[in-house]
C-alpha atoms as a PDB file:
ATOM      1  CA  UNK A   1     135.803 145.770  48.228  1.00  0.00           C
ATOM      2  CA  UNK A   2     133.009 147.938  49.553  1.00  0.00           C
ATOM      3  CA  UNK A   3     129.719 147.044  51.178  1.00  0.00           C
ATOM      4  CA  UNK A   4     127.704 147.336  47.963  1.00  0.00           C
ATOM      5  CA  UNK A   5     129.888 144.733  46.245  1.00  0.00           C
ATOM      6  CA  UNK A   6     129.509 142.355  49.179  1.00  0.00           C
ATOM      7  CA  UNK A   7     125.734 142.765  49.143  1.00  0.00           C
ATOM      8  CA  UNK A   8     125.606 142.272  45.360  1.00  0.00           C
ATOM      9  CA  UNK A   9     127.776 139.166  45.608  1.00  0.00           C
ATOM     10  CA  UNK A  10     125.513 137.777  48.335  1.00  0.00           C
ATOM     11  CA  UNK A  11     122.416 138.521  46.268  1.00  0.00           C
ATOM     12  CA  UNK A  12     123.875 136.763  43.233  1.00  0.00           C
ATOM     13  CA  UNK A  13     124.819 133.751  45.357  1.00  0.00           C
ATOM     14  CA  UNK A  14     121.350 133.507  46.916  1.00  0.00           C
ATOM     15  CA  UNK A  15     119.651 133.899  43.517  1.00  0.00           C
ATOM     16  CA  UNK A  16     121.857 131.169  42.052  1.00  0.00           C
ATOM     17  CA  UNK A  17     121.050 128.850  44.959  1.00  0.00           C
ATOM     18  CA  UNK A  18     117.346 129.544  44.496  1.00  0.00           C
ATOM     19  CA  UNK A  19     117.526 128.855  40.764  1.00  0.00           C
ATOM     20  CA  UNK A  20     119.515 125.644  41.319  1.00  0.00           C
ATOM     21  CA  UNK A  21     117.160 124.242  43.955  1.00  0.00           C
ATOM     22  CA  UNK A  22     113.848 125.274  42.356  1.00  0.00           C
ATOM     23  CA  UNK A  23     113.383 122.308  39.964  1.00  0.00           C
ATOM     24  CA  UNK A  24     113.980 119.687  42.653  1.00  0.00           C
ATOM     25  CA  UNK A  25     111.849 121.457  45.240  1.00  0.00           C
ATOM     26  CA  UNK A  26     109.006 122.019  42.788  1.00  0.00           C
ATOM     27  CA  UNK A  27     108.926 118.417  41.621  1.00  0.00           C
ATOM     28  CA  UNK A  28     109.196 117.189  45.207  1.00  0.00           C
ATOM     29  CA  UNK A  29     106.271 119.415  46.121  1.00  0.00           C
ATOM     30  CA  UNK A  30     104.118 118.131  43.251  1.00  0.00           C
ATOM     31  CA  UNK A  31     104.915 114.485  44.003  1.00  0.00           C
ATOM     32  CA  UNK A  32     104.222 115.024  47.704  1.00  0.00           C
ATOM     33  CA  UNK A  33     100.896 116.627  46.868  1.00  0.00           C
ATOM     34  CA  UNK A  34      99.973 113.733  44.555  1.00  0.00           C
ATOM     35  CA  UNK A  35     100.894 111.164  47.223  1.00  0.00           C
ATOM     36  CA  UNK A  36      98.905 113.098  49.838  1.00  0.00           C
ATOM     37  CA  UNK A  37      95.841 113.148  47.590  1.00  0.00           C
ATOM     38  CA  UNK A  38      96.279 109.416  46.955  1.00  0.00           C
ATOM     39  CA  UNK A  39      96.546 108.758  50.694  1.00  0.00           C
ATOM     40  CA  UNK A  40      93.478 110.856  51.425  1.00  0.00           C
ATOM     41  CA  UNK A  41      91.354 109.128  48.801  1.00  0.00           C
ATOM     42  CA  UNK A  42      92.408 105.595  49.726  1.00  0.00           C
ATOM     43  CA  UNK A  43      92.609 106.314  53.469  1.00  0.00           C
ATOM     44  CA  UNK A  44      96.075 104.768  53.657  1.00  0.00           C
ATOM     45  CA  UNK A  45      97.746 106.720  56.443  1.00  0.00           C
ATOM     46  CA  UNK A  46     101.288 105.408  56.178  1.00  0.00           C
ATOM     47  CA  UNK A  47     103.841 108.149  56.886  1.00  0.00           C
ATOM     48  CA  UNK A  48     106.675 106.441  55.031  1.00  0.00           C
ATOM     49  CA  UNK A  49     104.688 106.040  51.799  1.00  0.00           C
ATOM     50  CA  UNK A  50     105.632 109.510  50.535  1.00  0.00           C
ATOM     51  CA  UNK A  51     109.416 109.124  50.838  1.00  0.00           C
ATOM     52  CA  UNK A  52     110.193 106.674  48.034  1.00  0.00           C
ATOM     53  CA  UNK A  53     108.210 108.481  45.287  1.00  0.00           C
ATOM     54  CA  UNK A  54     109.760 111.806  46.337  1.00  0.00           C
ATOM     55  CA  UNK A  55     113.282 110.383  46.288  1.00  0.00           C
ATOM     56  CA  UNK A  56     112.753 108.841  42.859  1.00  0.00           C
ATOM     57  CA  UNK A  57     111.187 112.041  41.480  1.00  0.00           C
ATOM     58  CA  UNK A  58     113.967 114.266  42.835  1.00  0.00           C
ATOM     59  CA  UNK A  59     116.630 111.926  41.460  1.00  0.00           C
ATOM     60  CA  UNK A  60     114.898 112.004  38.077  1.00  0.00           C
ATOM     61  CA  UNK A  61     114.780 115.806  38.245  1.00  0.00           C
ATOM     62  CA  UNK A  62     118.516 115.908  38.937  1.00  0.00           C
ATOM     63  CA  UNK A  63     119.156 113.656  35.942  1.00  0.00           C
ATOM     64  CA  UNK A  64     116.853 115.668  33.662  1.00  0.00           C
ATOM     65  CA  UNK A  65     117.898 119.143  34.803  1.00  0.00           C
ATOM     66  CA  UNK A  66     121.551 118.228  35.450  1.00  0.00           C
ATOM     67  CA  UNK A  67     123.057 119.780  32.312  1.00  0.00           C
ATOM     68  CA  UNK A  68     121.137 123.010  32.832  1.00  0.00           C
ATOM     69  CA  UNK A  69     122.096 123.122  36.526  1.00  0.00           C
ATOM     70  CA  UNK A  70     125.723 122.594  35.578  1.00  0.00           C
ATOM     71  CA  UNK A  71     125.629 125.422  33.035  1.00  0.00           C
ATOM     72  CA  UNK A  72     124.090 127.799  35.608  1.00  0.00           C
ATOM     73  CA  UNK A  73     126.756 127.054  38.211  1.00  0.00           C
ATOM     74  CA  UNK A  74     129.546 127.265  35.618  1.00  0.00           C
ATOM     75  CA  UNK A  75     128.269 130.679  34.460  1.00  0.00           C
ATOM     76  CA  UNK A  76     128.111 131.907  38.068  1.00  0.00           C
ATOM     77  CA  UNK A  77     131.609 130.653  38.810  1.00  0.00           C
ATOM     78  CA  UNK A  78     132.985 132.148  35.596  1.00  0.00           C
ATOM     79  CA  UNK A  79     131.492 135.543  36.472  1.00  0.00           C
ATOM     80  CA  UNK A  80     132.876 135.244  39.994  1.00  0.00           C
ATOM     81  CA  UNK A  81     136.402 134.477  38.781  1.00  0.00           C
ATOM     82  CA  UNK A  82     136.224 137.168  36.095  1.00  0.00           C
ATOM     83  CA  UNK A  83     135.452 139.777  38.758  1.00  0.00           C
ATOM     84  CA  UNK A  84     137.976 138.430  41.256  1.00  0.00           C
ATOM     85  CA  UNK A  85     140.349 141.344  40.711  1.00  0.00           C
ATOM     86  CA  UNK A  86     137.677 143.832  41.808  1.00  0.00           C
ATOM     87  CA  UNK A  87     137.190 141.975  45.105  1.00  0.00           C
ATOM     88  CA  UNK A  88     140.810 142.303  46.180  1.00  0.00           C
ATOM     89  CA  UNK A  89     141.161 146.066  46.029  1.00  0.00           C
END
């Protein structure tokens, strides 16, 4: 295994992590922004108010995007195991 293969493997792993986390982070960001706008307009300055909507939204995103996330990680793992013989030499 040479340095280029290690770098490519690391790049694929980081890209897969980014793809897997993007839906939850994006929805969490949008819900946080909506709660912040709500807090600013109503002048309710409670710090814990944002946590429950974010948790519910991220859980819903996991449920909605779960099958797609599973297929992405299965494809990555399949490619990793298929190329396992090239890592040993």
